[in-house]
Amino acid sequence: IGREKAKSIALSHAGVKESAASRLSVEKDYDDGRIEYSVEFNANGKEYDYEIHGESGKILDYDVEVEDRD
């Protein structure tokens, strides 16, 4: 699917526009012989972390945490 599509899937699922996301990163990885994309970003006081299947674009896992503001 490519990095841009993986990023788009994660942002869309989170309901976040790219312009509102900070510390956005997309990494391509291989897990059990399959391509996955790890998409991480911060927005609206939360940290988002997505794992997206590299061929189907299916969200395999995601996590949302409130940012620690010490």
C-alpha atoms as a PDB file:
ATOM      1  CA  ILE A   1       0.000   0.000   0.000  1.00  0.00           C
ATOM      2  CA  GLY A   2       2.942   2.339   0.611  1.00  0.00           C
ATOM      3  CA  ARG A   3       3.823   4.787   3.359  1.00  0.00           C
ATOM      4  CA  GLU A   4       1.440   7.547   2.246  1.00  0.00           C
ATOM      5  CA  LYS A   5      -1.578   5.230   2.174  1.00  0.00           C
ATOM      6  CA  ALA A   6      -0.681   3.752   5.582  1.00  0.00           C
ATOM      7  CA  LYS A   7      -0.415   7.273   7.001  1.00  0.00           C
ATOM      8  CA  SER A   8      -3.764   8.212   5.449  1.00  0.00           C
ATOM      9  CA  ILE A   9      -5.480   5.117   6.897  1.00  0.00           C
ATOM     10  CA  ALA A  10      -4.221   5.830  10.417  1.00  0.00           C
ATOM     11  CA  LEU A  11      -5.066   9.547  10.342  1.00  0.00           C
ATOM     12  CA  SER A  12      -8.520   8.859   8.930  1.00  0.00           C
ATOM     13  CA  HIS A  13      -9.255   6.198  11.560  1.00  0.00           C
ATOM     14  CA  ALA A  14      -8.161   8.602  14.323  1.00  0.00           C
ATOM     15  CA  GLY A  15     -10.182  11.474  12.833  1.00  0.00           C
ATOM     16  CA  VAL A  16      -7.076  13.660  12.688  1.00  0.00           C
ATOM     17  CA  LYS A  17      -6.008  15.888   9.792  1.00  0.00           C
ATOM     18  CA  GLU A  18      -2.353  15.615   8.838  1.00  0.00           C
ATOM     19  CA  SER A  19      -1.899  19.339   9.525  1.00  0.00           C
ATOM     20  CA  ALA A  20      -2.995  18.750  13.160  1.00  0.00           C
ATOM     21  CA  ALA A  21      -0.611  15.826  13.737  1.00  0.00           C
ATOM     22  CA  SER A  22       2.842  16.346  15.231  1.00  0.00           C
ATOM     23  CA  ARG A  23       5.778  13.965  15.526  1.00  0.00           C
ATOM     24  CA  LEU A  24       4.338  11.943  12.651  1.00  0.00           C
ATOM     25  CA  SER A  25       6.418   8.942  11.622  1.00  0.00           C
ATOM     26  CA  VAL A  26       5.810   6.011   9.294  1.00  0.00           C
ATOM     27  CA  GLU A  27       8.132   3.010   9.412  1.00  0.00           C
ATOM     28  CA  LYS A  28       8.045  -0.036   7.152  1.00  0.00           C
ATOM     29  CA  ASP A  29       8.678  -3.317   8.960  1.00  0.00           C
ATOM     30  CA  TYR A  30       8.420  -7.059   8.406  1.00  0.00           C
ATOM     31  CA  ASP A  31       6.622  -9.284  10.925  1.00  0.00           C
ATOM     32  CA  ASP A  32       6.194 -13.039  10.369  1.00  0.00           C
ATOM     33  CA  GLY A  33       7.134 -12.563   6.717  1.00  0.00           C
ATOM     34  CA  ARG A  34       4.544  -9.872   6.016  1.00  0.00           C
ATOM     35  CA  ILE A  35       4.992  -6.158   5.409  1.00  0.00           C
ATOM     36  CA  GLU A  36       3.588  -3.872   8.096  1.00  0.00           C
ATOM     37  CA  TYR A  37       3.661  -0.132   8.578  1.00  0.00           C
ATOM     38  CA  SER A  38       4.003   1.433  12.003  1.00  0.00           C
ATOM     39  CA  VAL A  39       2.396   4.882  12.077  1.00  0.00           C
ATOM     40  CA  GLU A  40       2.873   7.086  15.139  1.00  0.00           C
ATOM     41  CA  PHE A  41       1.771  10.656  15.778  1.00  0.00           C
ATOM     42  CA  ASN A  42       0.538  13.063  18.432  1.00  0.00           C
ATOM     43  CA  ALA A  43      -2.629  15.158  18.193  1.00  0.00           C
ATOM     44  CA  ASN A  44      -5.200  16.709  20.514  1.00  0.00           C
ATOM     45  CA  GLY A  45      -3.212  15.807  23.634  1.00  0.00           C
ATOM     46  CA  LYS A  46      -2.999  12.122  22.682  1.00  0.00           C
ATOM     47  CA  GLU A  47      -0.354   9.750  21.330  1.00  0.00           C
ATOM     48  CA  TYR A  48      -1.479   7.425  18.533  1.00  0.00           C
ATOM     49  CA  ASP A  49       0.274   4.225  17.483  1.00  0.00           C
ATOM     50  CA  TYR A  50      -0.973   2.091  14.572  1.00  0.00           C
ATOM     51  CA  GLU A  51       0.165  -1.161  12.967  1.00  0.00           C
ATOM     52  CA  ILE A  52      -1.167  -1.487   9.403  1.00  0.00           C
ATOM     53  CA  HIS A  53      -0.961  -4.509   7.083  1.00  0.00           C
ATOM     54  CA  GLY A  54       1.330  -3.617   4.190  1.00  0.00           C
ATOM     55  CA  GLU A  55      -0.736  -5.291   1.467  1.00  0.00           C
ATOM     56  CA  SER A  56      -4.396  -4.993   2.500  1.00  0.00           C
ATOM     57  CA  GLY A  57      -4.259  -1.739   4.472  1.00  0.00           C
ATOM     58  CA  LYS A  58      -6.125  -3.415   7.348  1.00  0.00           C
ATOM     59  CA  ILE A  59      -5.475  -1.950  10.801  1.00  0.00           C
ATOM     60  CA  LEU A  60      -3.867  -4.811  12.724  1.00  0.00           C
ATOM     61  CA  ASP A  61      -3.543  -2.984  16.027  1.00  0.00           C
ATOM     62  CA  TYR A  62      -3.755   0.513  17.412  1.00  0.00           C
ATOM     63  CA  ASP A  63      -3.283   2.278  20.721  1.00  0.00           C
ATOM     64  CA  VAL A  64      -4.247   5.757  21.915  1.00  0.00           C
ATOM     65  CA  GLU A  65      -2.825   7.221  25.105  1.00  0.00           C
ATOM     66  CA  VAL A  66      -3.175  10.600  26.778  1.00  0.00           C
ATOM     67  CA  GLU A  67       0.121  12.483  26.512  1.00  0.00           C
ATOM     68  CA  ASP A  68       2.084  12.795  29.750  1.00  0.00           C
ATOM     69  CA  ARG A  69       2.366  16.517  30.458  1.00  0.00           C
ATOM     70  CA  ASP A  70       4.783  16.693  33.408  1.00  0.00           C
END
